[in-house]
């Protein structure tokens, strides 16, 4: 019998998440509004240690944020996703 290990992937905000938004000339509030999510959600992603969180989020939420950034900066959603998020093994 082969011992197979299942790898689970988690989506996390990149360490420079907040800086990426700022470099685009936007605030977290503007991105949150465009993504139809709370500013507190983006704040928790930007500073997970402050909110006692891991920085992980649901795929659907990550894509809402990425699509919002993409729309606000005229880039492809996939590019915005890669700019803001990383997938890591749990």
C-alpha atoms as a PDB file:
ATOM      1  CA  UNK A   1       0.000   0.000   0.000  1.00  0.00           C
ATOM      2  CA  UNK A   2       1.333   3.436  -1.012  1.00  0.00           C
ATOM      3  CA  UNK A   3       1.142   6.138   1.606  1.00  0.00           C
ATOM      4  CA  UNK A   4      -0.246   9.128  -0.293  1.00  0.00           C
ATOM      5  CA  UNK A   5      -0.293  12.484   1.355  1.00  0.00           C
ATOM      6  CA  UNK A   6      -2.962  14.985   0.357  1.00  0.00           C
ATOM      7  CA  UNK A   7      -1.655  18.502  -0.072  1.00  0.00           C
ATOM      8  CA  UNK A   8      -4.032  21.307   0.771  1.00  0.00           C
ATOM      9  CA  UNK A   9      -3.433  24.719  -0.700  1.00  0.00           C
ATOM     10  CA  UNK A  10      -4.363  27.972   1.002  1.00  0.00           C
ATOM     11  CA  UNK A  11      -4.651  31.410  -0.543  1.00  0.00           C
ATOM     12  CA  UNK A  12      -2.872  34.120   1.425  1.00  0.00           C
ATOM     13  CA  UNK A  13      -2.274  37.785   0.884  1.00  0.00           C
ATOM     14  CA  UNK A  14       1.274  38.548  -0.168  1.00  0.00           C
ATOM     15  CA  UNK A  15       3.408  40.277   2.477  1.00  0.00           C
ATOM     16  CA  UNK A  16       3.337  43.469   0.370  1.00  0.00           C
ATOM     17  CA  UNK A  17      -0.464  43.302  -0.142  1.00  0.00           C
ATOM     18  CA  UNK A  18      -1.096  46.787   1.238  1.00  0.00           C
ATOM     19  CA  UNK A  19       1.856  48.270  -0.650  1.00  0.00           C
ATOM     20  CA  UNK A  20       0.617  46.819  -3.937  1.00  0.00           C
ATOM     21  CA  UNK A  21      -2.708  48.590  -3.471  1.00  0.00           C
ATOM     22  CA  UNK A  22      -0.970  51.844  -2.532  1.00  0.00           C
ATOM     23  CA  UNK A  23       1.402  51.601  -5.525  1.00  0.00           C
ATOM     24  CA  UNK A  24      -1.678  51.448  -7.742  1.00  0.00           C
ATOM     25  CA  UNK A  25      -2.690  54.818  -6.309  1.00  0.00           C
ATOM     26  CA  UNK A  26      -5.613  53.350  -4.383  1.00  0.00           C
ATOM     27  CA  UNK A  27      -6.699  53.001  -0.793  1.00  0.00           C
ATOM     28  CA  UNK A  28      -7.903  49.802   0.810  1.00  0.00           C
ATOM     29  CA  UNK A  29     -11.287  51.507   1.221  1.00  0.00           C
ATOM     30  CA  UNK A  30     -11.558  52.111  -2.530  1.00  0.00           C
ATOM     31  CA  UNK A  31     -10.695  48.508  -3.334  1.00  0.00           C
ATOM     32  CA  UNK A  32     -13.070  47.200  -0.660  1.00  0.00           C
ATOM     33  CA  UNK A  33     -15.916  49.304  -2.049  1.00  0.00           C
ATOM     34  CA  UNK A  34     -15.230  48.109  -5.598  1.00  0.00           C
ATOM     35  CA  UNK A  35     -15.054  44.474  -4.405  1.00  0.00           C
ATOM     36  CA  UNK A  36     -18.232  44.877  -2.318  1.00  0.00           C
ATOM     37  CA  UNK A  37     -16.493  43.679   0.845  1.00  0.00           C
ATOM     38  CA  UNK A  38     -15.728  45.376   4.141  1.00  0.00           C
ATOM     39  CA  UNK A  39     -12.645  47.507   4.605  1.00  0.00           C
ATOM     40  CA  UNK A  40     -11.990  45.473   7.744  1.00  0.00           C
ATOM     41  CA  UNK A  41     -11.520  42.361   5.560  1.00  0.00           C
ATOM     42  CA  UNK A  42      -8.764  44.110   3.603  1.00  0.00           C
ATOM     43  CA  UNK A  43      -7.265  45.499   6.800  1.00  0.00           C
ATOM     44  CA  UNK A  44      -7.109  41.960   8.226  1.00  0.00           C
ATOM     45  CA  UNK A  45      -5.359  40.739   5.072  1.00  0.00           C
ATOM     46  CA  UNK A  46      -2.887  43.618   5.182  1.00  0.00           C
ATOM     47  CA  UNK A  47      -2.090  43.121   8.883  1.00  0.00           C
ATOM     48  CA  UNK A  48      -3.187  39.613   9.885  1.00  0.00           C
ATOM     49  CA  UNK A  49      -1.114  39.612  13.088  1.00  0.00           C
ATOM     50  CA  UNK A  50      -3.056  42.635  14.373  1.00  0.00           C
ATOM     51  CA  UNK A  51      -6.336  40.800  13.844  1.00  0.00           C
ATOM     52  CA  UNK A  52      -4.988  37.460  15.100  1.00  0.00           C
ATOM     53  CA  UNK A  53      -5.640  35.916  11.691  1.00  0.00           C
ATOM     54  CA  UNK A  54      -3.552  33.783   9.362  1.00  0.00           C
ATOM     55  CA  UNK A  55      -3.969  35.935   6.281  1.00  0.00           C
ATOM     56  CA  UNK A  56      -5.730  33.081   4.486  1.00  0.00           C
ATOM     57  CA  UNK A  57      -8.954  33.722   2.640  1.00  0.00           C
ATOM     58  CA  UNK A  58     -11.554  32.014   0.491  1.00  0.00           C
ATOM     59  CA  UNK A  59     -10.879  31.724  -3.203  1.00  0.00           C
ATOM     60  CA  UNK A  60     -14.107  33.577  -4.011  1.00  0.00           C
ATOM     61  CA  UNK A  61     -13.065  36.526  -1.814  1.00  0.00           C
ATOM     62  CA  UNK A  62      -9.583  36.610  -3.339  1.00  0.00           C
ATOM     63  CA  UNK A  63     -11.101  36.797  -6.813  1.00  0.00           C
ATOM     64  CA  UNK A  64     -13.553  39.540  -5.804  1.00  0.00           C
ATOM     65  CA  UNK A  65     -10.610  41.616  -4.598  1.00  0.00           C
ATOM     66  CA  UNK A  66      -8.509  40.789  -7.669  1.00  0.00           C
ATOM     67  CA  UNK A  67     -11.335  41.654 -10.073  1.00  0.00           C
ATOM     68  CA  UNK A  68     -11.896  44.958  -8.247  1.00  0.00           C
ATOM     69  CA  UNK A  69      -8.204  45.877  -8.446  1.00  0.00           C
ATOM     70  CA  UNK A  70      -8.120  44.809 -12.090  1.00  0.00           C
ATOM     71  CA  UNK A  71     -11.076  47.019 -12.942  1.00  0.00           C
ATOM     72  CA  UNK A  72      -9.675  50.007 -11.056  1.00  0.00           C
ATOM     73  CA  UNK A  73      -6.231  49.657 -12.676  1.00  0.00           C
ATOM     74  CA  UNK A  74      -7.214  48.418 -16.151  1.00  0.00           C
ATOM     75  CA  UNK A  75      -5.351  45.129 -15.935  1.00  0.00           C
ATOM     76  CA  UNK A  76      -6.292  41.488 -16.313  1.00  0.00           C
ATOM     77  CA  UNK A  77      -7.895  39.872 -13.240  1.00  0.00           C
ATOM     78  CA  UNK A  78      -5.241  37.120 -13.286  1.00  0.00           C
ATOM     79  CA  UNK A  79      -2.465  39.716 -13.117  1.00  0.00           C
ATOM     80  CA  UNK A  80      -4.143  41.452 -10.185  1.00  0.00           C
ATOM     81  CA  UNK A  81      -4.630  38.096  -8.426  1.00  0.00           C
ATOM     82  CA  UNK A  82      -0.928  37.262  -8.806  1.00  0.00           C
ATOM     83  CA  UNK A  83       0.013  40.763  -7.630  1.00  0.00           C
ATOM     84  CA  UNK A  84      -1.965  40.396  -4.390  1.00  0.00           C
ATOM     85  CA  UNK A  85      -2.095  36.716  -3.496  1.00  0.00           C
ATOM     86  CA  UNK A  86      -0.005  33.579  -3.245  1.00  0.00           C
ATOM     87  CA  UNK A  87      -1.094  29.967  -2.942  1.00  0.00           C
ATOM     88  CA  UNK A  88       0.803  28.027  -0.273  1.00  0.00           C
ATOM     89  CA  UNK A  89       0.720  24.476   1.056  1.00  0.00           C
ATOM     90  CA  UNK A  90      -0.941  24.091   4.409  1.00  0.00           C
END
